[in-house]
Amino acid sequence: ARAQAYAGFAAIAGIAAGIGPIIG
């Protein structure tokens, strides 16, 4: 459970960095 939460936390950072230009 904690491992998946950390993975989600890290993954959302990569996703946010990637889709940030589209949102902007």
PDBML (XML) file of the C-alpha atoms, coordinates in Angstrom:
<?xml version="1.0" encoding="UTF-8" ?>
<PDBx:datablock datablockName="MODEL"
   xmlns:PDBx="http://pdbml.pdb.org/schema/pdbx-v50.xsd"
   xmlns:xsi="http://www.w3.org/2001/XMLSchema-instance"
   xsi:schemaLocation="http://pdbml.pdb.org/schema/pdbx-v50.xsd pdbx-v50.xsd">
   <PDBx:atom_siteCategory>
      <PDBx:atom_site id="1">
         <PDBx:B_iso_or_equiv>0.00</PDBx:B_iso_or_equiv>
         <PDBx:Cartn_x>0.000</PDBx:Cartn_x>
         <PDBx:Cartn_y>0.000</PDBx:Cartn_y>
         <PDBx:Cartn_z>0.000</PDBx:Cartn_z>
         <PDBx:auth_asym_id>A</PDBx:auth_asym_id>
         <PDBx:auth_atom_id>CA</PDBx:auth_atom_id>
         <PDBx:auth_comp_id>ALA</PDBx:auth_comp_id>
         <PDBx:auth_seq_id>1</PDBx:auth_seq_id>
         <PDBx:group_PDB>ATOM</PDBx:group_PDB>
         <PDBx:label_alt_id xsi:nil="true" />
         <PDBx:label_asym_id>A</PDBx:label_asym_id>
         <PDBx:label_atom_id>CA</PDBx:label_atom_id>
         <PDBx:label_comp_id>ALA</PDBx:label_comp_id>
         <PDBx:label_entity_id>1</PDBx:label_entity_id>
         <PDBx:label_seq_id>1</PDBx:label_seq_id>
         <PDBx:occupancy>1.00</PDBx:occupancy>
         <PDBx:pdbx_PDB_model_num>1</PDBx:pdbx_PDB_model_num>
         <PDBx:type_symbol>C</PDBx:type_symbol>
      </PDBx:atom_site>
      <PDBx:atom_site id="2">
         <PDBx:B_iso_or_equiv>0.00</PDBx:B_iso_or_equiv>
         <PDBx:Cartn_x>2.739</PDBx:Cartn_x>
         <PDBx:Cartn_y>2.439</PDBx:Cartn_y>
         <PDBx:Cartn_z>0.932</PDBx:Cartn_z>
         <PDBx:auth_asym_id>A</PDBx:auth_asym_id>
         <PDBx:auth_atom_id>CA</PDBx:auth_atom_id>
         <PDBx:auth_comp_id>ARG</PDBx:auth_comp_id>
         <PDBx:auth_seq_id>2</PDBx:auth_seq_id>
         <PDBx:group_PDB>ATOM</PDBx:group_PDB>
         <PDBx:label_alt_id xsi:nil="true" />
         <PDBx:label_asym_id>A</PDBx:label_asym_id>
         <PDBx:label_atom_id>CA</PDBx:label_atom_id>
         <PDBx:label_comp_id>ARG</PDBx:label_comp_id>
         <PDBx:label_entity_id>1</PDBx:label_entity_id>
         <PDBx:label_seq_id>2</PDBx:label_seq_id>
         <PDBx:occupancy>1.00</PDBx:occupancy>
         <PDBx:pdbx_PDB_model_num>1</PDBx:pdbx_PDB_model_num>
         <PDBx:type_symbol>C</PDBx:type_symbol>
      </PDBx:atom_site>
      <PDBx:atom_site id="3">
         <PDBx:B_iso_or_equiv>0.00</PDBx:B_iso_or_equiv>
         <PDBx:Cartn_x>4.892</PDBx:Cartn_x>
         <PDBx:Cartn_y>1.424</PDBx:Cartn_y>
         <PDBx:Cartn_z>-2.037</PDBx:Cartn_z>
         <PDBx:auth_asym_id>A</PDBx:auth_asym_id>
         <PDBx:auth_atom_id>CA</PDBx:auth_atom_id>
         <PDBx:auth_comp_id>ALA</PDBx:auth_comp_id>
         <PDBx:auth_seq_id>3</PDBx:auth_seq_id>
         <PDBx:group_PDB>ATOM</PDBx:group_PDB>
         <PDBx:label_alt_id xsi:nil="true" />
         <PDBx:label_asym_id>A</PDBx:label_asym_id>
         <PDBx:label_atom_id>CA</PDBx:label_atom_id>
         <PDBx:label_comp_id>ALA</PDBx:label_comp_id>
         <PDBx:label_entity_id>1</PDBx:label_entity_id>
         <PDBx:label_seq_id>3</PDBx:label_seq_id>
         <PDBx:occupancy>1.00</PDBx:occupancy>
         <PDBx:pdbx_PDB_model_num>1</PDBx:pdbx_PDB_model_num>
         <PDBx:type_symbol>C</PDBx:type_symbol>
      </PDBx:atom_site>
      <PDBx:atom_site id="4">
         <PDBx:B_iso_or_equiv>0.00</PDBx:B_iso_or_equiv>
         <PDBx:Cartn_x>2.013</PDBx:Cartn_x>
         <PDBx:Cartn_y>2.095</PDBx:Cartn_y>
         <PDBx:Cartn_z>-4.435</PDBx:Cartn_z>
         <PDBx:auth_asym_id>A</PDBx:auth_asym_id>
         <PDBx:auth_atom_id>CA</PDBx:auth_atom_id>
         <PDBx:auth_comp_id>GLN</PDBx:auth_comp_id>
         <PDBx:auth_seq_id>4</PDBx:auth_seq_id>
         <PDBx:group_PDB>ATOM</PDBx:group_PDB>
         <PDBx:label_alt_id xsi:nil="true" />
         <PDBx:label_asym_id>A</PDBx:label_asym_id>
         <PDBx:label_atom_id>CA</PDBx:label_atom_id>
         <PDBx:label_comp_id>GLN</PDBx:label_comp_id>
         <PDBx:label_entity_id>1</PDBx:label_entity_id>
         <PDBx:label_seq_id>4</PDBx:label_seq_id>
         <PDBx:occupancy>1.00</PDBx:occupancy>
         <PDBx:pdbx_PDB_model_num>1</PDBx:pdbx_PDB_model_num>
         <PDBx:type_symbol>C</PDBx:type_symbol>
      </PDBx:atom_site>
      <PDBx:atom_site id="5">
         <PDBx:B_iso_or_equiv>0.00</PDBx:B_iso_or_equiv>
         <PDBx:Cartn_x>1.329</PDBx:Cartn_x>
         <PDBx:Cartn_y>5.452</PDBx:Cartn_y>
         <PDBx:Cartn_z>-2.742</PDBx:Cartn_z>
         <PDBx:auth_asym_id>A</PDBx:auth_asym_id>
         <PDBx:auth_atom_id>CA</PDBx:auth_atom_id>
         <PDBx:auth_comp_id>ALA</PDBx:auth_comp_id>
         <PDBx:auth_seq_id>5</PDBx:auth_seq_id>
         <PDBx:group_PDB>ATOM</PDBx:group_PDB>
         <PDBx:label_alt_id xsi:nil="true" />
         <PDBx:label_asym_id>A</PDBx:label_asym_id>
         <PDBx:label_atom_id>CA</PDBx:label_atom_id>
         <PDBx:label_comp_id>ALA</PDBx:label_comp_id>
         <PDBx:label_entity_id>1</PDBx:label_entity_id>
         <PDBx:label_seq_id>5</PDBx:label_seq_id>
         <PDBx:occupancy>1.00</PDBx:occupancy>
         <PDBx:pdbx_PDB_model_num>1</PDBx:pdbx_PDB_model_num>
         <PDBx:type_symbol>C</PDBx:type_symbol>
      </PDBx:atom_site>
      <PDBx:atom_site id="6">
         <PDBx:B_iso_or_equiv>0.00</PDBx:B_iso_or_equiv>
         <PDBx:Cartn_x>4.971</PDBx:Cartn_x>
         <PDBx:Cartn_y>6.463</PDBx:Cartn_y>
         <PDBx:Cartn_z>-3.206</PDBx:Cartn_z>
         <PDBx:auth_asym_id>A</PDBx:auth_asym_id>
         <PDBx:auth_atom_id>CA</PDBx:auth_atom_id>
         <PDBx:auth_comp_id>TYR</PDBx:auth_comp_id>
         <PDBx:auth_seq_id>6</PDBx:auth_seq_id>
         <PDBx:group_PDB>ATOM</PDBx:group_PDB>
         <PDBx:label_alt_id xsi:nil="true" />
         <PDBx:label_asym_id>A</PDBx:label_asym_id>
         <PDBx:label_atom_id>CA</PDBx:label_atom_id>
         <PDBx:label_comp_id>TYR</PDBx:label_comp_id>
         <PDBx:label_entity_id>1</PDBx:label_entity_id>
         <PDBx:label_seq_id>6</PDBx:label_seq_id>
         <PDBx:occupancy>1.00</PDBx:occupancy>
         <PDBx:pdbx_PDB_model_num>1</PDBx:pdbx_PDB_model_num>
         <PDBx:type_symbol>C</PDBx:type_symbol>
      </PDBx:atom_site>
      <PDBx:atom_site id="7">
         <PDBx:B_iso_or_equiv>0.00</PDBx:B_iso_or_equiv>
         <PDBx:Cartn_x>4.876</PDBx:Cartn_x>
         <PDBx:Cartn_y>5.261</PDBx:Cartn_y>
         <PDBx:Cartn_z>-6.801</PDBx:Cartn_z>
         <PDBx:auth_asym_id>A</PDBx:auth_asym_id>
         <PDBx:auth_atom_id>CA</PDBx:auth_atom_id>
         <PDBx:auth_comp_id>ALA</PDBx:auth_comp_id>
         <PDBx:auth_seq_id>7</PDBx:auth_seq_id>
         <PDBx:group_PDB>ATOM</PDBx:group_PDB>
         <PDBx:label_alt_id xsi:nil="true" />
         <PDBx:label_asym_id>A</PDBx:label_asym_id>
         <PDBx:label_atom_id>CA</PDBx:label_atom_id>
         <PDBx:label_comp_id>ALA</PDBx:label_comp_id>
         <PDBx:label_entity_id>1</PDBx:label_entity_id>
         <PDBx:label_seq_id>7</PDBx:label_seq_id>
         <PDBx:occupancy>1.00</PDBx:occupancy>
         <PDBx:pdbx_PDB_model_num>1</PDBx:pdbx_PDB_model_num>
         <PDBx:type_symbol>C</PDBx:type_symbol>
      </PDBx:atom_site>
      <PDBx:atom_site id="8">
         <PDBx:B_iso_or_equiv>0.00</PDBx:B_iso_or_equiv>
         <PDBx:Cartn_x>1.746</PDBx:Cartn_x>
         <PDBx:Cartn_y>7.330</PDBx:Cartn_y>
         <PDBx:Cartn_z>-7.412</PDBx:Cartn_z>
         <PDBx:auth_asym_id>A</PDBx:auth_asym_id>
         <PDBx:auth_atom_id>CA</PDBx:auth_atom_id>
         <PDBx:auth_comp_id>GLY</PDBx:auth_comp_id>
         <PDBx:auth_seq_id>8</PDBx:auth_seq_id>
         <PDBx:group_PDB>ATOM</PDBx:group_PDB>
         <PDBx:label_alt_id xsi:nil="true" />
         <PDBx:label_asym_id>A</PDBx:label_asym_id>
         <PDBx:label_atom_id>CA</PDBx:label_atom_id>
         <PDBx:label_comp_id>GLY</PDBx:label_comp_id>
         <PDBx:label_entity_id>1</PDBx:label_entity_id>
         <PDBx:label_seq_id>8</PDBx:label_seq_id>
         <PDBx:occupancy>1.00</PDBx:occupancy>
         <PDBx:pdbx_PDB_model_num>1</PDBx:pdbx_PDB_model_num>
         <PDBx:type_symbol>C</PDBx:type_symbol>
      </PDBx:atom_site>
      <PDBx:atom_site id="9">
         <PDBx:B_iso_or_equiv>0.00</PDBx:B_iso_or_equiv>
         <PDBx:Cartn_x>3.331</PDBx:Cartn_x>
         <PDBx:Cartn_y>10.348</PDBx:Cartn_y>
         <PDBx:Cartn_z>-5.737</PDBx:Cartn_z>
         <PDBx:auth_asym_id>A</PDBx:auth_asym_id>
         <PDBx:auth_atom_id>CA</PDBx:auth_atom_id>
         <PDBx:auth_comp_id>PHE</PDBx:auth_comp_id>
         <PDBx:auth_seq_id>9</PDBx:auth_seq_id>
         <PDBx:group_PDB>ATOM</PDBx:group_PDB>
         <PDBx:label_alt_id xsi:nil="true" />
         <PDBx:label_asym_id>A</PDBx:label_asym_id>
         <PDBx:label_atom_id>CA</PDBx:label_atom_id>
         <PDBx:label_comp_id>PHE</PDBx:label_comp_id>
         <PDBx:label_entity_id>1</PDBx:label_entity_id>
         <PDBx:label_seq_id>9</PDBx:label_seq_id>
         <PDBx:occupancy>1.00</PDBx:occupancy>
         <PDBx:pdbx_PDB_model_num>1</PDBx:pdbx_PDB_model_num>
         <PDBx:type_symbol>C</PDBx:type_symbol>
      </PDBx:atom_site>
      <PDBx:atom_site id="10">
         <PDBx:B_iso_or_equiv>0.00</PDBx:B_iso_or_equiv>
         <PDBx:Cartn_x>6.407</PDBx:Cartn_x>
         <PDBx:Cartn_y>10.083</PDBx:Cartn_y>
         <PDBx:Cartn_z>-7.968</PDBx:Cartn_z>
         <PDBx:auth_asym_id>A</PDBx:auth_asym_id>
         <PDBx:auth_atom_id>CA</PDBx:auth_atom_id>
         <PDBx:auth_comp_id>ALA</PDBx:auth_comp_id>
         <PDBx:auth_seq_id>10</PDBx:auth_seq_id>
         <PDBx:group_PDB>ATOM</PDBx:group_PDB>
         <PDBx:label_alt_id xsi:nil="true" />
         <PDBx:label_asym_id>A</PDBx:label_asym_id>
         <PDBx:label_atom_id>CA</PDBx:label_atom_id>
         <PDBx:label_comp_id>ALA</PDBx:label_comp_id>
         <PDBx:label_entity_id>1</PDBx:label_entity_id>
         <PDBx:label_seq_id>10</PDBx:label_seq_id>
         <PDBx:occupancy>1.00</PDBx:occupancy>
         <PDBx:pdbx_PDB_model_num>1</PDBx:pdbx_PDB_model_num>
         <PDBx:type_symbol>C</PDBx:type_symbol>
      </PDBx:atom_site>
      <PDBx:atom_site id="11">
         <PDBx:B_iso_or_equiv>0.00</PDBx:B_iso_or_equiv>
         <PDBx:Cartn_x>4.398</PDBx:Cartn_x>
         <PDBx:Cartn_y>9.273</PDBx:Cartn_y>
         <PDBx:Cartn_z>-11.089</PDBx:Cartn_z>
         <PDBx:auth_asym_id>A</PDBx:auth_asym_id>
         <PDBx:auth_atom_id>CA</PDBx:auth_atom_id>
         <PDBx:auth_comp_id>ALA</PDBx:auth_comp_id>
         <PDBx:auth_seq_id>11</PDBx:auth_seq_id>
         <PDBx:group_PDB>ATOM</PDBx:group_PDB>
         <PDBx:label_alt_id xsi:nil="true" />
         <PDBx:label_asym_id>A</PDBx:label_asym_id>
         <PDBx:label_atom_id>CA</PDBx:label_atom_id>
         <PDBx:label_comp_id>ALA</PDBx:label_comp_id>
         <PDBx:label_entity_id>1</PDBx:label_entity_id>
         <PDBx:label_seq_id>11</PDBx:label_seq_id>
         <PDBx:occupancy>1.00</PDBx:occupancy>
         <PDBx:pdbx_PDB_model_num>1</PDBx:pdbx_PDB_model_num>
         <PDBx:type_symbol>C</PDBx:type_symbol>
      </PDBx:atom_site>
      <PDBx:atom_site id="12">
         <PDBx:B_iso_or_equiv>0.00</PDBx:B_iso_or_equiv>
         <PDBx:Cartn_x>2.100</PDBx:Cartn_x>
         <PDBx:Cartn_y>12.274</PDBx:Cartn_y>
         <PDBx:Cartn_z>-10.684</PDBx:Cartn_z>
         <PDBx:auth_asym_id>A</PDBx:auth_asym_id>
         <PDBx:auth_atom_id>CA</PDBx:auth_atom_id>
         <PDBx:auth_comp_id>ILE</PDBx:auth_comp_id>
         <PDBx:auth_seq_id>12</PDBx:auth_seq_id>
         <PDBx:group_PDB>ATOM</PDBx:group_PDB>
         <PDBx:label_alt_id xsi:nil="true" />
         <PDBx:label_asym_id>A</PDBx:label_asym_id>
         <PDBx:label_atom_id>CA</PDBx:label_atom_id>
         <PDBx:label_comp_id>ILE</PDBx:label_comp_id>
         <PDBx:label_entity_id>1</PDBx:label_entity_id>
         <PDBx:label_seq_id>12</PDBx:label_seq_id>
         <PDBx:occupancy>1.00</PDBx:occupancy>
         <PDBx:pdbx_PDB_model_num>1</PDBx:pdbx_PDB_model_num>
         <PDBx:type_symbol>C</PDBx:type_symbol>
      </PDBx:atom_site>
      <PDBx:atom_site id="13">
         <PDBx:B_iso_or_equiv>0.00</PDBx:B_iso_or_equiv>
         <PDBx:Cartn_x>5.185</PDBx:Cartn_x>
         <PDBx:Cartn_y>14.500</PDBx:Cartn_y>
         <PDBx:Cartn_z>-10.621</PDBx:Cartn_z>
         <PDBx:auth_asym_id>A</PDBx:auth_asym_id>
         <PDBx:auth_atom_id>CA</PDBx:auth_atom_id>
         <PDBx:auth_comp_id>ALA</PDBx:auth_comp_id>
         <PDBx:auth_seq_id>13</PDBx:auth_seq_id>
         <PDBx:group_PDB>ATOM</PDBx:group_PDB>
         <PDBx:label_alt_id xsi:nil="true" />
         <PDBx:label_asym_id>A</PDBx:label_asym_id>
         <PDBx:label_atom_id>CA</PDBx:label_atom_id>
         <PDBx:label_comp_id>ALA</PDBx:label_comp_id>
         <PDBx:label_entity_id>1</PDBx:label_entity_id>
         <PDBx:label_seq_id>13</PDBx:label_seq_id>
         <PDBx:occupancy>1.00</PDBx:occupancy>
         <PDBx:pdbx_PDB_model_num>1</PDBx:pdbx_PDB_model_num>
         <PDBx:type_symbol>C</PDBx:type_symbol>
      </PDBx:atom_site>
      <PDBx:atom_site id="14">
         <PDBx:B_iso_or_equiv>0.00</PDBx:B_iso_or_equiv>
         <PDBx:Cartn_x>6.301</PDBx:Cartn_x>
         <PDBx:Cartn_y>13.121</PDBx:Cartn_y>
         <PDBx:Cartn_z>-13.974</PDBx:Cartn_z>
         <PDBx:auth_asym_id>A</PDBx:auth_asym_id>
         <PDBx:auth_atom_id>CA</PDBx:auth_atom_id>
         <PDBx:auth_comp_id>GLY</PDBx:auth_comp_id>
         <PDBx:auth_seq_id>14</PDBx:auth_seq_id>
         <PDBx:group_PDB>ATOM</PDBx:group_PDB>
         <PDBx:label_alt_id xsi:nil="true" />
         <PDBx:label_asym_id>A</PDBx:label_asym_id>
         <PDBx:label_atom_id>CA</PDBx:label_atom_id>
         <PDBx:label_comp_id>GLY</PDBx:label_comp_id>
         <PDBx:label_entity_id>1</PDBx:label_entity_id>
         <PDBx:label_seq_id>14</PDBx:label_seq_id>
         <PDBx:occupancy>1.00</PDBx:occupancy>
         <PDBx:pdbx_PDB_model_num>1</PDBx:pdbx_PDB_model_num>
         <PDBx:type_symbol>C</PDBx:type_symbol>
      </PDBx:atom_site>
      <PDBx:atom_site id="15">
         <PDBx:B_iso_or_equiv>0.00</PDBx:B_iso_or_equiv>
         <PDBx:Cartn_x>2.779</PDBx:Cartn_x>
         <PDBx:Cartn_y>13.386</PDBx:Cartn_y>
         <PDBx:Cartn_z>-15.367</PDBx:Cartn_z>
         <PDBx:auth_asym_id>A</PDBx:auth_asym_id>
         <PDBx:auth_atom_id>CA</PDBx:auth_atom_id>
         <PDBx:auth_comp_id>ILE</PDBx:auth_comp_id>
         <PDBx:auth_seq_id>15</PDBx:auth_seq_id>
         <PDBx:group_PDB>ATOM</PDBx:group_PDB>
         <PDBx:label_alt_id xsi:nil="true" />
         <PDBx:label_asym_id>A</PDBx:label_asym_id>
         <PDBx:label_atom_id>CA</PDBx:label_atom_id>
         <PDBx:label_comp_id>ILE</PDBx:label_comp_id>
         <PDBx:label_entity_id>1</PDBx:label_entity_id>
         <PDBx:label_seq_id>15</PDBx:label_seq_id>
         <PDBx:occupancy>1.00</PDBx:occupancy>
         <PDBx:pdbx_PDB_model_num>1</PDBx:pdbx_PDB_model_num>
         <PDBx:type_symbol>C</PDBx:type_symbol>
      </PDBx:atom_site>
      <PDBx:atom_site id="16">
         <PDBx:B_iso_or_equiv>0.00</PDBx:B_iso_or_equiv>
         <PDBx:Cartn_x>2.413</PDBx:Cartn_x>
         <PDBx:Cartn_y>16.980</PDBx:Cartn_y>
         <PDBx:Cartn_z>-14.150</PDBx:Cartn_z>
         <PDBx:auth_asym_id>A</PDBx:auth_asym_id>
         <PDBx:auth_atom_id>CA</PDBx:auth_atom_id>
         <PDBx:auth_comp_id>ALA</PDBx:auth_comp_id>
         <PDBx:auth_seq_id>16</PDBx:auth_seq_id>
         <PDBx:group_PDB>ATOM</PDBx:group_PDB>
         <PDBx:label_alt_id xsi:nil="true" />
         <PDBx:label_asym_id>A</PDBx:label_asym_id>
         <PDBx:label_atom_id>CA</PDBx:label_atom_id>
         <PDBx:label_comp_id>ALA</PDBx:label_comp_id>
         <PDBx:label_entity_id>1</PDBx:label_entity_id>
         <PDBx:label_seq_id>16</PDBx:label_seq_id>
         <PDBx:occupancy>1.00</PDBx:occupancy>
         <PDBx:pdbx_PDB_model_num>1</PDBx:pdbx_PDB_model_num>
         <PDBx:type_symbol>C</PDBx:type_symbol>
      </PDBx:atom_site>
      <PDBx:atom_site id="17">
         <PDBx:B_iso_or_equiv>0.00</PDBx:B_iso_or_equiv>
         <PDBx:Cartn_x>5.763</PDBx:Cartn_x>
         <PDBx:Cartn_y>17.950</PDBx:Cartn_y>
         <PDBx:Cartn_z>-15.685</PDBx:Cartn_z>
         <PDBx:auth_asym_id>A</PDBx:auth_asym_id>
         <PDBx:auth_atom_id>CA</PDBx:auth_atom_id>
         <PDBx:auth_comp_id>ALA</PDBx:auth_comp_id>
         <PDBx:auth_seq_id>17</PDBx:auth_seq_id>
         <PDBx:group_PDB>ATOM</PDBx:group_PDB>
         <PDBx:label_alt_id xsi:nil="true" />
         <PDBx:label_asym_id>A</PDBx:label_asym_id>
         <PDBx:label_atom_id>CA</PDBx:label_atom_id>
         <PDBx:label_comp_id>ALA</PDBx:label_comp_id>
         <PDBx:label_entity_id>1</PDBx:label_entity_id>
         <PDBx:label_seq_id>17</PDBx:label_seq_id>
         <PDBx:occupancy>1.00</PDBx:occupancy>
         <PDBx:pdbx_PDB_model_num>1</PDBx:pdbx_PDB_model_num>
         <PDBx:type_symbol>C</PDBx:type_symbol>
      </PDBx:atom_site>
      <PDBx:atom_site id="18">
         <PDBx:B_iso_or_equiv>0.00</PDBx:B_iso_or_equiv>
         <PDBx:Cartn_x>4.688</PDBx:Cartn_x>
         <PDBx:Cartn_y>16.333</PDBx:Cartn_y>
         <PDBx:Cartn_z>-18.950</PDBx:Cartn_z>
         <PDBx:auth_asym_id>A</PDBx:auth_asym_id>
         <PDBx:auth_atom_id>CA</PDBx:auth_atom_id>
         <PDBx:auth_comp_id>GLY</PDBx:auth_comp_id>
         <PDBx:auth_seq_id>18</PDBx:auth_seq_id>
         <PDBx:group_PDB>ATOM</PDBx:group_PDB>
         <PDBx:label_alt_id xsi:nil="true" />
         <PDBx:label_asym_id>A</PDBx:label_asym_id>
         <PDBx:label_atom_id>CA</PDBx:label_atom_id>
         <PDBx:label_comp_id>GLY</PDBx:label_comp_id>
         <PDBx:label_entity_id>1</PDBx:label_entity_id>
         <PDBx:label_seq_id>18</PDBx:label_seq_id>
         <PDBx:occupancy>1.00</PDBx:occupancy>
         <PDBx:pdbx_PDB_model_num>1</PDBx:pdbx_PDB_model_num>
         <PDBx:type_symbol>C</PDBx:type_symbol>
      </PDBx:atom_site>
      <PDBx:atom_site id="19">
         <PDBx:B_iso_or_equiv>0.00</PDBx:B_iso_or_equiv>
         <PDBx:Cartn_x>1.185</PDBx:Cartn_x>
         <PDBx:Cartn_y>17.757</PDBx:Cartn_y>
         <PDBx:Cartn_z>-19.299</PDBx:Cartn_z>
         <PDBx:auth_asym_id>A</PDBx:auth_asym_id>
         <PDBx:auth_atom_id>CA</PDBx:auth_atom_id>
         <PDBx:auth_comp_id>ILE</PDBx:auth_comp_id>
         <PDBx:auth_seq_id>19</PDBx:auth_seq_id>
         <PDBx:group_PDB>ATOM</PDBx:group_PDB>
         <PDBx:label_alt_id xsi:nil="true" />
         <PDBx:label_asym_id>A</PDBx:label_asym_id>
         <PDBx:label_atom_id>CA</PDBx:label_atom_id>
         <PDBx:label_comp_id>ILE</PDBx:label_comp_id>
         <PDBx:label_entity_id>1</PDBx:label_entity_id>
         <PDBx:label_seq_id>19</PDBx:label_seq_id>
         <PDBx:occupancy>1.00</PDBx:occupancy>
         <PDBx:pdbx_PDB_model_num>1</PDBx:pdbx_PDB_model_num>
         <PDBx:type_symbol>C</PDBx:type_symbol>
      </PDBx:atom_site>
      <PDBx:atom_site id="20">
         <PDBx:B_iso_or_equiv>0.00</PDBx:B_iso_or_equiv>
         <PDBx:Cartn_x>2.048</PDBx:Cartn_x>
         <PDBx:Cartn_y>21.142</PDBx:Cartn_y>
         <PDBx:Cartn_z>-17.803</PDBx:Cartn_z>
         <PDBx:auth_asym_id>A</PDBx:auth_asym_id>
         <PDBx:auth_atom_id>CA</PDBx:auth_atom_id>
         <PDBx:auth_comp_id>GLY</PDBx:auth_comp_id>
         <PDBx:auth_seq_id>20</PDBx:auth_seq_id>
         <PDBx:group_PDB>ATOM</PDBx:group_PDB>
         <PDBx:label_alt_id xsi:nil="true" />
         <PDBx:label_asym_id>A</PDBx:label_asym_id>
         <PDBx:label_atom_id>CA</PDBx:label_atom_id>
         <PDBx:label_comp_id>GLY</PDBx:label_comp_id>
         <PDBx:label_entity_id>1</PDBx:label_entity_id>
         <PDBx:label_seq_id>20</PDBx:label_seq_id>
         <PDBx:occupancy>1.00</PDBx:occupancy>
         <PDBx:pdbx_PDB_model_num>1</PDBx:pdbx_PDB_model_num>
         <PDBx:type_symbol>C</PDBx:type_symbol>
      </PDBx:atom_site>
      <PDBx:atom_site id="21">
         <PDBx:B_iso_or_equiv>0.00</PDBx:B_iso_or_equiv>
         <PDBx:Cartn_x>2.817</PDBx:Cartn_x>
         <PDBx:Cartn_y>22.598</PDBx:Cartn_y>
         <PDBx:Cartn_z>-21.245</PDBx:Cartn_z>
         <PDBx:auth_asym_id>A</PDBx:auth_asym_id>
         <PDBx:auth_atom_id>CA</PDBx:auth_atom_id>
         <PDBx:auth_comp_id>PRO</PDBx:auth_comp_id>
         <PDBx:auth_seq_id>21</PDBx:auth_seq_id>
         <PDBx:group_PDB>ATOM</PDBx:group_PDB>
         <PDBx:label_alt_id xsi:nil="true" />
         <PDBx:label_asym_id>A</PDBx:label_asym_id>
         <PDBx:label_atom_id>CA</PDBx:label_atom_id>
         <PDBx:label_comp_id>PRO</PDBx:label_comp_id>
         <PDBx:label_entity_id>1</PDBx:label_entity_id>
         <PDBx:label_seq_id>21</PDBx:label_seq_id>
         <PDBx:occupancy>1.00</PDBx:occupancy>
         <PDBx:pdbx_PDB_model_num>1</PDBx:pdbx_PDB_model_num>
         <PDBx:type_symbol>C</PDBx:type_symbol>
      </PDBx:atom_site>
      <PDBx:atom_site id="22">
         <PDBx:B_iso_or_equiv>0.00</PDBx:B_iso_or_equiv>
         <PDBx:Cartn_x>-0.555</PDBx:Cartn_x>
         <PDBx:Cartn_y>21.457</PDBx:Cartn_y>
         <PDBx:Cartn_z>-22.577</PDBx:Cartn_z>
         <PDBx:auth_asym_id>A</PDBx:auth_asym_id>
         <PDBx:auth_atom_id>CA</PDBx:auth_atom_id>
         <PDBx:auth_comp_id>ILE</PDBx:auth_comp_id>
         <PDBx:auth_seq_id>22</PDBx:auth_seq_id>
         <PDBx:group_PDB>ATOM</PDBx:group_PDB>
         <PDBx:label_alt_id xsi:nil="true" />
         <PDBx:label_asym_id>A</PDBx:label_asym_id>
         <PDBx:label_atom_id>CA</PDBx:label_atom_id>
         <PDBx:label_comp_id>ILE</PDBx:label_comp_id>
         <PDBx:label_entity_id>1</PDBx:label_entity_id>
         <PDBx:label_seq_id>22</PDBx:label_seq_id>
         <PDBx:occupancy>1.00</PDBx:occupancy>
         <PDBx:pdbx_PDB_model_num>1</PDBx:pdbx_PDB_model_num>
         <PDBx:type_symbol>C</PDBx:type_symbol>
      </PDBx:atom_site>
      <PDBx:atom_site id="23">
         <PDBx:B_iso_or_equiv>0.00</PDBx:B_iso_or_equiv>
         <PDBx:Cartn_x>-2.419</PDBx:Cartn_x>
         <PDBx:Cartn_y>22.990</PDBx:Cartn_y>
         <PDBx:Cartn_z>-19.642</PDBx:Cartn_z>
         <PDBx:auth_asym_id>A</PDBx:auth_asym_id>
         <PDBx:auth_atom_id>CA</PDBx:auth_atom_id>
         <PDBx:auth_comp_id>ILE</PDBx:auth_comp_id>
         <PDBx:auth_seq_id>23</PDBx:auth_seq_id>
         <PDBx:group_PDB>ATOM</PDBx:group_PDB>
         <PDBx:label_alt_id xsi:nil="true" />
         <PDBx:label_asym_id>A</PDBx:label_asym_id>
         <PDBx:label_atom_id>CA</PDBx:label_atom_id>
         <PDBx:label_comp_id>ILE</PDBx:label_comp_id>
         <PDBx:label_entity_id>1</PDBx:label_entity_id>
         <PDBx:label_seq_id>23</PDBx:label_seq_id>
         <PDBx:occupancy>1.00</PDBx:occupancy>
         <PDBx:pdbx_PDB_model_num>1</PDBx:pdbx_PDB_model_num>
         <PDBx:type_symbol>C</PDBx:type_symbol>
      </PDBx:atom_site>
      <PDBx:atom_site id="24">
         <PDBx:B_iso_or_equiv>0.00</PDBx:B_iso_or_equiv>
         <PDBx:Cartn_x>-0.428</PDBx:Cartn_x>
         <PDBx:Cartn_y>26.191</PDBx:Cartn_y>
         <PDBx:Cartn_z>-20.017</PDBx:Cartn_z>
         <PDBx:auth_asym_id>A</PDBx:auth_asym_id>
         <PDBx:auth_atom_id>CA</PDBx:auth_atom_id>
         <PDBx:auth_comp_id>GLY</PDBx:auth_comp_id>
         <PDBx:auth_seq_id>24</PDBx:auth_seq_id>
         <PDBx:group_PDB>ATOM</PDBx:group_PDB>
         <PDBx:label_alt_id xsi:nil="true" />
         <PDBx:label_asym_id>A</PDBx:label_asym_id>
         <PDBx:label_atom_id>CA</PDBx:label_atom_id>
         <PDBx:label_comp_id>GLY</PDBx:label_comp_id>
         <PDBx:label_entity_id>1</PDBx:label_entity_id>
         <PDBx:label_seq_id>24</PDBx:label_seq_id>
         <PDBx:occupancy>1.00</PDBx:occupancy>
         <PDBx:pdbx_PDB_model_num>1</PDBx:pdbx_PDB_model_num>
         <PDBx:type_symbol>C</PDBx:type_symbol>
      </PDBx:atom_site>
   </PDBx:atom_siteCategory>
</PDBx:datablock>
